[in-house]
Amino acid sequence: MGMDDKIDNTAEKTAGKVKEGVGRATDDERLEAEGRTDQSKANLKQAGEKVKDAFKS
């Protein structure tokens, strides 16, 4: 996995956690759900990058 991809995925996951926390604190279910979705996307991207790396070796 490229370092840039790893940083991007981590940043997206962190932003999702923040968004989820803000949604929970403000009782905004839509924002909370968006945060969870962002985290899931970041996890899937990271898993895809790991699979690509495994086949490169």
C-alpha atoms as a PDB file:
ATOM      1  CA  MET A   1       0.000   0.000   0.000  1.00  0.00           C
ATOM      2  CA  GLY A   2       1.316   3.398  -0.920  1.00  0.00           C
ATOM      3  CA  MET A   3       2.008   5.726   1.935  1.00  0.00           C
ATOM      4  CA  ASP A   4      -0.235   8.390   0.377  1.00  0.00           C
ATOM      5  CA  ASP A   5      -3.136   5.941   0.191  1.00  0.00           C
ATOM      6  CA  LYS A   6      -2.615   4.892   3.798  1.00  0.00           C
ATOM      7  CA  ILE A   7      -2.591   8.522   4.954  1.00  0.00           C
ATOM      8  CA  ASP A   8      -5.718   9.320   2.917  1.00  0.00           C
ATOM      9  CA  ASN A   9      -7.577   6.309   4.299  1.00  0.00           C
ATOM     10  CA  THR A  10      -6.586   7.143   7.858  1.00  0.00           C
ATOM     11  CA  ALA A  11      -7.648  10.765   7.399  1.00  0.00           C
ATOM     12  CA  GLU A  12     -11.002   9.679   5.969  1.00  0.00           C
ATOM     13  CA  LYS A  13     -11.551   7.250   8.846  1.00  0.00           C
ATOM     14  CA  THR A  14     -10.663   9.932  11.400  1.00  0.00           C
ATOM     15  CA  ALA A  15     -12.980  12.448   9.740  1.00  0.00           C
ATOM     16  CA  GLY A  16     -15.737   9.843   9.866  1.00  0.00           C
ATOM     17  CA  LYS A  17     -15.182   9.305  13.579  1.00  0.00           C
ATOM     18  CA  VAL A  18     -15.320  13.052  14.204  1.00  0.00           C
ATOM     19  CA  LYS A  19     -18.468  13.395  12.110  1.00  0.00           C
ATOM     20  CA  GLU A  20     -20.093  10.488  13.966  1.00  0.00           C
ATOM     21  CA  GLY A  21     -19.165  12.034  17.326  1.00  0.00           C
ATOM     22  CA  VAL A  22     -20.531  15.452  16.361  1.00  0.00           C
ATOM     23  CA  GLY A  23     -23.718  13.814  15.120  1.00  0.00           C
ATOM     24  CA  ARG A  24     -24.097  11.921  18.379  1.00  0.00           C
ATOM     25  CA  ALA A  25     -23.393  15.043  20.464  1.00  0.00           C
ATOM     26  CA  THR A  26     -25.880  17.169  18.525  1.00  0.00           C
ATOM     27  CA  ASP A  27     -28.442  14.372  18.255  1.00  0.00           C
ATOM     28  CA  ASP A  28     -28.192  14.497  14.434  1.00  0.00           C
ATOM     29  CA  GLU A  29     -28.814  10.929  13.292  1.00  0.00           C
ATOM     30  CA  ARG A  30     -28.058  11.733   9.639  1.00  0.00           C
ATOM     31  CA  LEU A  31     -24.623  13.160  10.463  1.00  0.00           C
ATOM     32  CA  GLU A  32     -23.876  10.234  12.742  1.00  0.00           C
ATOM     33  CA  ALA A  33     -24.794   7.786   9.971  1.00  0.00           C
ATOM     34  CA  GLU A  34     -22.636   9.690   7.473  1.00  0.00           C
ATOM     35  CA  GLY A  35     -19.705   9.378   9.860  1.00  0.00           C
ATOM     36  CA  ARG A  36     -20.156   5.622  10.130  1.00  0.00           C
ATOM     37  CA  THR A  37     -20.424   5.391   6.332  1.00  0.00           C
ATOM     38  CA  ASP A  38     -17.201   7.365   5.874  1.00  0.00           C
ATOM     39  CA  GLN A  39     -15.412   5.039   8.274  1.00  0.00           C
ATOM     40  CA  SER A  40     -16.686   1.980   6.416  1.00  0.00           C
ATOM     41  CA  LYS A  41     -15.539   3.389   3.077  1.00  0.00           C
ATOM     42  CA  ALA A  42     -12.065   4.043   4.473  1.00  0.00           C
ATOM     43  CA  ASN A  43     -11.867   0.505   5.862  1.00  0.00           C
ATOM     44  CA  LEU A  44     -12.906  -0.993   2.521  1.00  0.00           C
ATOM     45  CA  LYS A  45     -10.364   1.103   0.622  1.00  0.00           C
ATOM     46  CA  GLN A  46      -7.650   0.040   3.031  1.00  0.00           C
ATOM     47  CA  ALA A  47      -8.606  -3.626   2.662  1.00  0.00           C
ATOM     48  CA  GLY A  48      -8.546  -3.276  -1.129  1.00  0.00           C
ATOM     49  CA  GLU A  49      -5.075  -1.764  -1.006  1.00  0.00           C
ATOM     50  CA  LYS A  50      -3.854  -4.649   1.165  1.00  0.00           C
ATOM     51  CA  VAL A  51      -5.237  -7.177  -1.327  1.00  0.00           C
ATOM     52  CA  LYS A  52      -3.482  -5.376  -4.194  1.00  0.00           C
ATOM     53  CA  ASP A  53      -0.239  -5.390  -2.231  1.00  0.00           C
ATOM     54  CA  ALA A  54      -0.571  -9.115  -1.531  1.00  0.00           C
ATOM     55  CA  PHE A  55      -0.827  -9.872  -5.268  1.00  0.00           C
ATOM     56  CA  LYS A  56       2.135  -7.624  -6.117  1.00  0.00           C
ATOM     57  CA  SER A  57       4.485  -9.712  -3.982  1.00  0.00           C
END
